[in-house]
Amino acid sequence: MSQRPVLTHLPEWQALQRHYAEIGGVHLRELFRADPDRGTRLTLEAAGWYLDYSKNRVTDATLRALTALAEARGLRTAIEAMFSGARLNETENRAVLHTALRNRSNTPVFVDGRDVMPAVNAVLERMAAFADRVRAGQWLGHGGRRIRNVVNLGIGGSDLGPAMACEALKPFSDRSLTVRFVSNVDATHFVEQTRDLDPAETLFIVASKTFTTQETMTNAHSARRWLLAALRDEAAVARHFVAVSTNAAEVRRFGIDPANMFEFWDWVGGRYSLCSAIGLPVMIAIGPANFAALLDGFHAMDTHFRAAPFERNNLVASDLVFKAIARAKVPFTVHISSSVVNSVADDDYTNTKKAQEKMFLGSGLPGCVLRPTLMYGWFDPKHFGWLARFMEKAPVFPIPGHGRYMRQPLYERDFCR
């Protein structure tokens, strides 16, 4: 099997370099003076997302050169491979099929010869039934009182996606319900998120595929102790905890009825898991009908991404045009963090691809990469989880610093994995 050509050796790449040399110093004023209509022509709209790239150093020739490079690198084939269930996750040898979670056409999607859509739809139906019961006051706590508070316990994609969605969709949420998220193992985070909640009216969602994620289970056991300190009955756990997991044995051992376990699959990547059972807190907050509308929107964009020609493809154009170096601060405690800079937690940062490029450039190994940049993480142990995933792939990784903090058991497994 022949090796893929080196990117910078492709004639399409070299043509793009020549084009960059031509327009790299051109001011936007000159581009608008020469092309007054670019403000309306260099725009795209799909699935409700309007993209205006006219205010960038981009011309029609730029787009032609960029899309030619995408075609030469086989992007169309790669897109089809993803939608078809190919094992694009080389690290774990898994499919990358988050698109199946919002496949509203319900056309079959196969993984290892099995259509996954019946299982996807079954979980969504169970989520909807449960969310309706909570919202209607029919799911009662151990003492017979309705649930008014929902606290999601997760980390990484099991926390960030649902938390951002709940914030973004707050106008659609049931304001009689309080929905909160705990991810930091700093006990202060749990205390602050539960300090004004009544245990008798609080439901915890423990989101961990294996139900062994150390950070999540640390918070889950804290929540269990908090609940039992007030209700003083082990049977209360089954009414105040549900699980998003695949490990029924561990779920049962914790005290949760496996009937209240909502499944997802190994082909669901953490960063893309919102449309799976990980989205349960979102569905409870906004209701099954609004969650279905959310899935419809995802599916509309998926369909556009798969079918639209590259020059009119919102996602392809934004990826080709808007990639730029960015930075984020990393406060390590909740109270001193002025804000959570969600905007930097896109793919290139959470999966640390850009950091890998930088480390590769410094490794001395043969090859080439694009866009070397800096990688920063987040406050709390989420940073270490992303760093661990980076280390799995990076050819070289110097570990800075020393001391007890670097060797705490919480991080030891991830750093050594």
Protein backbone atom coordinates (compact mmCIF):
# COMPACT_ATOMS: atom_id res chain seq x y z
CA MET A 1 0.00 0.00 0.00
CA SER A 2 1.52 3.31 -1.12
CA GLN A 3 2.10 6.04 1.40
CA ARG A 4 0.05 9.21 1.31
CA PRO A 5 1.91 12.10 -0.37
CA VAL A 6 3.43 14.63 1.99
CA LEU A 7 1.01 17.54 2.23
CA THR A 8 3.52 20.25 1.38
CA HIS A 9 4.63 18.34 -1.72
CA LEU A 10 1.18 18.51 -3.31
CA PRO A 11 0.82 20.95 -6.22
CA GLU A 12 -2.40 22.22 -4.59
CA TRP A 13 -0.46 23.15 -1.47
CA GLN A 14 2.25 24.89 -3.45
CA ALA A 15 -0.40 26.81 -5.40
CA LEU A 16 -1.93 27.90 -2.10
CA GLN A 17 1.47 29.10 -0.90
CA ARG A 18 1.93 31.17 -4.03
CA HIS A 19 -1.53 32.64 -3.59
CA TYR A 20 -0.76 33.51 0.02
CA ALA A 21 2.38 35.33 -1.07
CA GLU A 22 0.21 37.40 -3.41
CA ILE A 23 -2.48 38.46 -0.93
CA GLY A 24 -0.73 38.12 2.44
CA GLY A 25 -0.02 41.84 2.69
CA VAL A 26 -3.22 43.13 1.11
CA HIS A 27 -5.35 45.26 3.45
CA LEU A 28 -9.07 44.53 3.76
CA ARG A 29 -9.80 48.07 2.58
CA GLU A 30 -8.16 47.23 -0.73
CA LEU A 31 -10.12 43.99 -1.05
CA PHE A 32 -13.44 45.78 -0.48
CA ARG A 33 -12.45 48.61 -2.82
CA ALA A 34 -11.67 46.13 -5.59
CA ASP A 35 -14.70 43.95 -4.85
CA PRO A 36 -17.58 45.94 -3.27
CA ASP A 37 -19.94 42.95 -3.42
CA ARG A 38 -17.75 40.64 -1.33
CA GLY A 39 -19.74 41.50 1.80
CA THR A 40 -22.76 39.68 0.39
CA ARG A 41 -21.06 37.16 -1.89
CA LEU A 42 -18.50 35.73 0.53
CA THR A 43 -21.13 34.42 2.92
CA LEU A 44 -22.82 31.10 3.53
CA GLU A 45 -25.95 30.01 5.33
CA ALA A 46 -26.97 26.50 6.31
CA ALA A 47 -29.23 25.06 9.01
CA GLY A 48 -29.71 28.50 10.52
CA TRP A 49 -25.99 29.24 10.76
CA TYR A 50 -24.88 32.35 8.87
CA LEU A 51 -21.17 32.52 8.06
CA ASP A 52 -19.59 35.77 6.89
CA TYR A 53 -15.95 35.38 5.93
CA SER A 54 -15.74 38.50 3.77
CA LYS A 55 -13.93 40.39 6.55
CA ASN A 56 -10.94 38.09 6.23
CA ARG A 57 -8.02 38.19 3.81
CA VAL A 58 -9.88 35.83 1.49
CA THR A 59 -10.87 36.08 -2.16
CA ASP A 60 -12.70 33.80 -4.58
CA ALA A 61 -9.29 32.53 -5.65
CA THR A 62 -8.48 31.72 -2.02
CA LEU A 63 -11.59 29.57 -1.69
CA ARG A 64 -10.83 27.79 -4.96
CA ALA A 65 -7.30 27.02 -3.81
CA LEU A 66 -8.44 25.85 -0.37
CA THR A 67 -11.16 23.58 -1.72
CA ALA A 68 -8.78 22.16 -4.31
CA LEU A 69 -6.44 21.19 -1.48
CA ALA A 70 -9.31 19.62 0.46
CA GLU A 71 -10.27 17.57 -2.59
CA ALA A 72 -6.67 16.52 -3.16
CA ARG A 73 -6.38 15.30 0.42
CA GLY A 74 -9.49 13.15 0.10
CA LEU A 75 -11.74 15.09 2.47
CA ARG A 76 -14.88 13.95 0.66
CA THR A 77 -13.87 10.31 1.07
CA ALA A 78 -13.07 10.87 4.74
CA ILE A 79 -16.47 12.48 5.36
CA GLU A 80 -18.24 9.50 3.83
CA ALA A 81 -16.07 7.13 5.84
CA MET A 82 -17.12 8.85 9.06
CA PHE A 83 -20.82 8.74 8.27
CA SER A 84 -20.49 5.11 7.20
CA GLY A 85 -18.99 3.90 10.47
CA ALA A 86 -15.36 3.46 9.43
CA ARG A 87 -12.88 3.16 12.30
CA LEU A 88 -11.44 6.66 12.07
CA ASN A 89 -10.45 6.72 15.74
CA GLU A 90 -7.07 5.08 15.20
CA THR A 91 -5.97 5.34 18.83
CA GLU A 92 -8.85 3.19 20.09
CA ASN A 93 -9.73 1.49 16.77
CA ARG A 94 -13.32 2.72 16.93
CA ALA A 95 -15.90 4.28 14.68
CA VAL A 96 -16.66 7.98 15.06
CA LEU A 97 -20.43 8.01 14.79
CA HIS A 98 -21.85 10.88 16.81
CA THR A 99 -23.84 11.66 13.66
CA ALA A 100 -25.88 8.49 14.26
CA LEU A 101 -27.11 9.94 17.56
CA ARG A 102 -28.99 12.66 15.69
CA ASN A 103 -29.81 10.69 12.52
CA ARG A 104 -33.38 11.94 12.22
CA SER A 105 -33.83 10.26 8.84
CA ASN A 106 -33.45 6.96 10.71
CA THR A 107 -31.62 5.43 7.77
CA PRO A 108 -29.57 2.42 8.91
CA VAL A 109 -26.07 3.10 10.22
CA PHE A 110 -23.88 0.04 10.61
CA VAL A 111 -21.06 -0.67 13.04
CA ASP A 112 -19.48 -4.11 12.68
CA GLY A 113 -22.40 -5.22 10.53
CA ARG A 114 -25.10 -4.16 13.00
CA ASP A 115 -27.53 -1.28 12.53
CA VAL A 116 -27.13 0.96 15.59
CA MET A 117 -30.26 3.04 15.01
CA PRO A 118 -32.72 0.80 16.93
CA ALA A 119 -30.53 1.07 20.05
CA VAL A 120 -30.07 4.83 19.60
CA ASN A 121 -33.81 5.38 19.28
CA ALA A 122 -34.59 3.12 22.24
CA VAL A 123 -32.32 5.13 24.54
CA LEU A 124 -33.79 8.42 23.33
CA GLU A 125 -37.29 7.10 24.05
CA ARG A 126 -36.30 6.04 27.57
CA MET A 127 -34.67 9.42 28.18
CA ALA A 128 -37.82 11.20 27.03
CA ALA A 129 -40.07 9.11 29.26
CA PHE A 130 -37.85 9.74 32.28
CA ALA A 131 -37.50 13.47 31.56
CA ASP A 132 -41.27 13.79 31.25
CA ARG A 133 -41.77 12.10 34.63
CA VAL A 134 -39.28 14.41 36.34
CA ARG A 135 -40.72 17.53 34.73
CA ALA A 136 -44.30 16.52 35.57
CA GLY A 137 -43.47 15.82 39.20
CA GLN A 138 -44.18 12.11 38.77
CA TRP A 139 -40.66 10.95 39.62
CA LEU A 140 -40.68 11.30 43.39
CA GLY A 141 -37.82 11.32 45.83
CA HIS A 142 -37.48 8.83 48.66
CA GLY A 143 -39.77 10.83 50.93
CA GLY A 144 -42.45 11.25 48.29
CA ARG A 145 -41.55 14.82 47.30
CA ARG A 146 -41.13 15.89 43.69
CA ILE A 147 -37.70 16.52 42.22
CA ARG A 148 -36.90 20.21 41.85
CA ASN A 149 -33.10 20.04 41.51
CA VAL A 150 -30.97 18.08 39.05
CA VAL A 151 -27.20 17.89 39.52
CA ASN A 152 -25.05 16.35 36.78
CA LEU A 153 -21.80 14.70 37.90
CA GLY A 154 -19.35 14.23 35.04
CA ILE A 155 -16.09 15.45 33.57
CA GLY A 156 -14.87 16.45 30.13
CA GLY A 157 -17.51 15.84 27.48
CA SER A 158 -19.88 14.47 30.11
CA ASP A 159 -19.89 17.90 31.72
CA LEU A 160 -18.91 20.64 29.29
CA GLY A 161 -21.36 19.90 26.46
CA PRO A 162 -24.48 19.58 28.63
CA ALA A 163 -23.47 22.54 30.79
CA MET A 164 -22.95 24.79 27.77
CA ALA A 165 -26.19 23.58 26.17
CA CYS A 166 -28.21 24.24 29.32
CA GLU A 167 -26.80 27.74 29.52
CA ALA A 168 -27.38 28.45 25.83
CA LEU A 169 -30.92 27.03 25.90
CA LYS A 170 -31.98 28.61 29.17
CA PRO A 171 -34.88 30.50 27.51
CA PHE A 172 -36.41 27.10 26.68
CA SER A 173 -35.88 25.58 30.11
CA ASP A 174 -38.37 24.87 32.88
CA ARG A 175 -37.48 27.56 35.42
CA SER A 176 -39.12 25.61 38.24
CA LEU A 177 -36.22 23.15 37.91
CA THR A 178 -32.69 23.94 39.03
CA VAL A 179 -30.07 22.18 36.87
CA ARG A 180 -26.42 22.33 37.93
CA PHE A 181 -23.13 20.67 37.04
CA VAL A 182 -20.26 19.45 39.22
CA SER A 183 -16.98 18.34 37.65
CA ASN A 184 -14.19 19.63 39.87
CA VAL A 185 -12.95 17.29 42.60
CA ASP A 186 -12.16 20.33 44.70
CA ALA A 187 -14.81 19.79 47.40
CA THR A 188 -15.63 23.49 47.26
CA HIS A 189 -17.29 22.99 43.89
CA PHE A 190 -19.70 20.35 45.17
CA VAL A 191 -20.42 22.30 48.35
CA GLU A 192 -21.20 25.50 46.46
CA GLN A 193 -23.40 23.76 43.89
CA THR A 194 -25.49 21.99 46.55
CA ARG A 195 -25.44 24.42 49.48
CA ASP A 196 -28.95 25.76 48.83
CA LEU A 197 -30.51 22.49 47.63
CA ASP A 198 -32.85 20.22 49.57
CA PRO A 199 -31.59 16.61 49.40
CA ALA A 200 -35.18 15.34 49.47
CA GLU A 201 -35.84 17.20 46.19
CA THR A 202 -32.51 16.58 44.44
CA LEU A 203 -31.70 14.09 41.67
CA PHE A 204 -28.09 13.28 40.71
CA ILE A 205 -27.10 12.11 37.24
CA VAL A 206 -23.78 10.23 37.34
CA ALA A 207 -22.32 10.35 33.84
CA SER A 208 -19.47 7.87 33.42
CA LYS A 209 -19.28 5.26 30.68
CA THR A 210 -17.29 2.82 32.83
CA PHE A 211 -18.62 4.09 36.15
CA THR A 212 -15.02 4.10 37.31
CA THR A 213 -13.93 7.57 36.15
CA GLN A 214 -12.03 8.71 39.20
CA GLU A 215 -13.03 12.36 39.22
CA THR A 216 -16.70 11.64 38.53
CA MET A 217 -16.94 8.83 41.06
CA THR A 218 -15.22 10.96 43.70
CA ASN A 219 -18.02 13.48 43.29
CA ALA A 220 -20.65 10.73 43.10
CA HIS A 221 -19.60 9.35 46.47
CA SER A 222 -19.57 12.86 47.91
CA ALA A 223 -23.13 13.29 46.64
CA ARG A 224 -24.12 9.94 48.10
CA ARG A 225 -22.79 10.91 51.52
CA TRP A 226 -24.51 14.30 51.30
CA LEU A 227 -27.83 12.65 50.48
CA LEU A 228 -27.65 9.94 53.14
CA ALA A 229 -26.60 12.41 55.82
CA ALA A 230 -29.99 14.03 55.35
CA LEU A 231 -32.28 11.12 54.44
CA ARG A 232 -30.59 8.39 56.54
CA ASP A 233 -31.80 5.48 54.42
CA GLU A 234 -29.69 3.56 51.87
CA ALA A 235 -32.84 2.94 49.84
CA ALA A 236 -32.91 6.67 49.06
CA VAL A 237 -30.00 6.28 46.64
CA ALA A 238 -32.17 4.47 44.09
CA ARG A 239 -34.67 7.35 44.02
CA HIS A 240 -32.14 10.18 43.92
CA PHE A 241 -29.49 8.81 41.54
CA VAL A 242 -29.59 7.70 37.91
CA ALA A 243 -26.63 6.72 35.74
CA VAL A 244 -25.42 7.38 32.22
CA SER A 245 -23.13 4.40 31.80
CA THR A 246 -22.57 0.98 30.28
CA ASN A 247 -21.37 -0.78 33.44
CA ALA A 248 -24.51 -2.22 35.02
CA ALA A 249 -22.57 -4.11 37.69
CA GLU A 250 -20.86 -0.99 39.06
CA VAL A 251 -24.08 1.00 38.78
CA ARG A 252 -25.89 -1.61 40.87
CA ARG A 253 -23.03 -1.74 43.39
CA PHE A 254 -23.36 2.01 43.90
CA GLY A 255 -27.04 1.58 44.75
CA ILE A 256 -28.63 2.70 41.48
CA ASP A 257 -31.26 0.50 39.86
CA PRO A 258 -29.83 -0.58 36.46
CA ALA A 259 -33.31 0.08 35.08
CA ASN A 260 -32.40 3.74 35.58
CA MET A 261 -29.15 3.44 33.66
CA PHE A 262 -29.08 5.14 30.26
CA GLU A 263 -26.62 3.58 27.84
CA PHE A 264 -24.29 4.99 25.23
CA TRP A 265 -21.58 3.39 23.10
CA ASP A 266 -17.84 3.33 22.54
CA TRP A 267 -18.22 5.00 19.14
CA VAL A 268 -19.49 8.14 20.89
CA GLY A 269 -16.54 10.46 21.51
CA GLY A 270 -16.67 12.53 24.67
CA ARG A 271 -16.56 15.86 22.88
CA TYR A 272 -19.51 14.84 20.71
CA SER A 273 -21.64 13.05 23.28
CA LEU A 274 -24.27 15.73 23.91
CA CYS A 275 -26.78 14.02 21.61
CA SER A 276 -26.43 10.73 23.48
CA ALA A 277 -27.68 9.90 26.98
CA ILE A 278 -25.05 12.40 28.18
CA GLY A 279 -27.63 14.99 27.15
CA LEU A 280 -30.13 13.76 29.77
CA PRO A 281 -29.80 16.88 31.99
CA VAL A 282 -30.43 19.02 28.92
CA MET A 283 -33.54 17.03 28.03
CA ILE A 284 -34.85 17.37 31.58
CA ALA A 285 -34.20 21.12 31.51
CA ILE A 286 -35.75 21.95 28.13
CA GLY A 287 -38.10 19.00 27.63
CA PRO A 288 -38.08 16.13 25.11
CA ALA A 289 -39.76 18.16 22.35
CA ASN A 290 -37.12 20.88 22.46
CA PHE A 291 -34.36 18.28 22.71
CA ALA A 292 -35.78 16.64 19.57
CA ALA A 293 -35.65 20.04 17.86
CA LEU A 294 -32.01 20.32 18.93
CA LEU A 295 -31.30 16.95 17.32
CA ASP A 296 -33.12 18.11 14.18
CA GLY A 297 -30.74 21.05 13.98
CA PHE A 298 -27.70 18.83 14.39
CA HIS A 299 -29.03 16.51 11.68
CA ALA A 300 -29.66 19.41 9.31
CA MET A 301 -26.05 20.54 9.65
CA ASP A 302 -24.78 16.96 9.34
CA THR A 303 -26.73 16.60 6.10
CA HIS A 304 -25.35 19.89 4.81
CA PHE A 305 -21.80 18.91 5.73
CA ARG A 306 -22.12 15.57 3.99
CA ALA A 307 -23.78 16.77 0.79
CA ALA A 308 -22.87 20.40 0.08
CA PRO A 309 -20.01 21.15 -2.33
CA PHE A 310 -16.96 22.34 -0.45
CA GLU A 311 -17.13 25.89 -1.79
CA ARG A 312 -20.68 26.21 -0.35
CA ASN A 313 -20.13 24.05 2.72
CA ASN A 314 -20.39 25.99 5.96
CA LEU A 315 -18.31 23.61 8.05
CA VAL A 316 -15.62 23.06 5.44
CA ALA A 317 -15.32 26.77 4.70
CA SER A 318 -15.11 27.72 8.37
CA ASP A 319 -12.47 25.06 8.96
CA LEU A 320 -10.39 26.13 5.98
CA VAL A 321 -10.69 29.88 6.58
CA PHE A 322 -10.89 30.41 10.32
CA LYS A 323 -8.16 28.22 11.83
CA ALA A 324 -5.99 30.48 13.94
CA ILE A 325 -3.74 30.32 16.96
CA ALA A 326 -5.53 30.97 20.25
CA ARG A 327 -4.76 30.86 23.94
CA ALA A 328 -6.62 30.30 27.18
CA LYS A 329 -5.69 30.98 30.78
CA VAL A 330 -5.65 28.06 33.17
CA PRO A 331 -6.82 28.90 36.69
CA PHE A 332 -6.70 25.80 38.87
CA THR A 333 -9.35 26.57 41.46
CA VAL A 334 -12.96 27.47 40.94
CA HIS A 335 -13.13 30.58 43.11
CA ILE A 336 -10.21 32.40 41.49
CA SER A 337 -11.33 31.71 37.94
CA SER A 338 -12.95 34.87 36.63
CA SER A 339 -14.81 33.00 33.91
CA VAL A 340 -14.99 29.72 32.07
CA VAL A 341 -13.67 30.44 28.62
CA ASN A 342 -15.85 27.97 26.75
CA SER A 343 -14.93 29.43 23.39
CA VAL A 344 -11.48 27.87 23.43
CA ALA A 345 -12.72 24.36 24.15
CA ASP A 346 -13.30 23.48 20.52
CA ASP A 347 -11.96 20.33 18.91
CA ASP A 348 -8.47 21.56 18.30
CA TYR A 349 -7.96 22.28 21.98
CA THR A 350 -9.86 19.55 23.76
CA ASN A 351 -8.36 16.79 21.64
CA THR A 352 -5.01 18.61 21.72
CA LYS A 353 -4.32 18.22 18.02
CA LYS A 354 -2.59 21.58 17.86
CA ALA A 355 -0.43 20.73 20.81
CA GLN A 356 0.61 17.50 19.12
CA GLU A 357 1.71 19.52 16.11
CA LYS A 358 3.88 21.76 18.25
CA MET A 359 5.47 18.83 20.05
CA PHE A 360 6.05 17.04 16.75
CA LEU A 361 7.88 20.03 15.35
CA GLY A 362 10.20 19.97 18.32
CA SER A 363 10.75 16.22 18.24
CA GLY A 364 13.21 16.10 15.37
CA LEU A 365 11.24 13.33 13.68
CA PRO A 366 10.83 13.47 9.88
CA GLY A 367 7.59 14.90 8.55
CA CYS A 368 5.64 18.12 8.56
CA VAL A 369 2.59 19.57 10.26
CA LEU A 370 0.45 22.67 9.95
CA ARG A 371 -0.31 25.46 12.39
CA PRO A 372 2.03 24.85 15.32
CA THR A 373 0.48 26.52 18.32
CA LEU A 374 0.19 26.59 22.08
CA MET A 375 -2.14 24.31 24.01
CA TYR A 376 -3.63 25.40 27.29
CA GLY A 377 -6.30 23.57 29.19
CA TRP A 378 -8.90 24.42 31.75
CA PHE A 379 -9.18 24.88 35.45
CA ASP A 380 -9.41 21.70 37.55
CA PRO A 381 -8.57 18.08 36.59
CA LYS A 382 -10.28 18.34 33.19
CA HIS A 383 -6.97 19.84 32.11
CA PHE A 384 -5.15 16.67 33.08
CA GLY A 385 -7.59 14.44 31.22
CA TRP A 386 -6.99 16.31 27.98
CA LEU A 387 -3.27 16.31 28.64
CA ALA A 388 -3.35 12.54 29.10
CA ARG A 389 -5.07 12.07 25.74
CA PHE A 390 -2.41 14.27 24.19
CA MET A 391 0.34 12.12 25.68
CA GLU A 392 -1.14 8.98 24.14
CA LYS A 393 -0.37 10.32 20.67
CA ALA A 394 2.45 12.84 20.96
CA PRO A 395 5.86 11.56 19.78
CA VAL A 396 7.70 13.49 22.50
CA PHE A 397 6.45 14.91 25.75
CA PRO A 398 8.66 16.55 28.38
CA ILE A 399 6.88 16.68 31.74
CA PRO A 400 7.69 20.01 33.41
CA GLY A 401 7.88 20.50 37.14
CA HIS A 402 8.14 18.05 39.96
CA GLY A 403 6.91 17.44 43.47
CA ARG A 404 4.06 15.78 45.30
CA TYR A 405 1.33 17.54 43.30
CA MET A 406 2.41 15.80 40.12
CA ARG A 407 2.25 12.42 41.86
CA GLN A 408 -1.13 12.60 43.51
CA PRO A 409 -3.13 9.40 42.87
CA LEU A 410 -5.90 11.34 41.16
CA TYR A 411 -3.60 12.16 38.24
CA GLU A 412 -1.14 9.29 38.41
CA ARG A 413 -3.16 6.89 36.30
CA ASP A 414 -3.77 9.40 33.52
CA PHE A 415 -0.16 10.56 33.39
CA CYS A 416 1.18 7.00 33.28
CA ARG A 417 -1.42 5.53 30.94
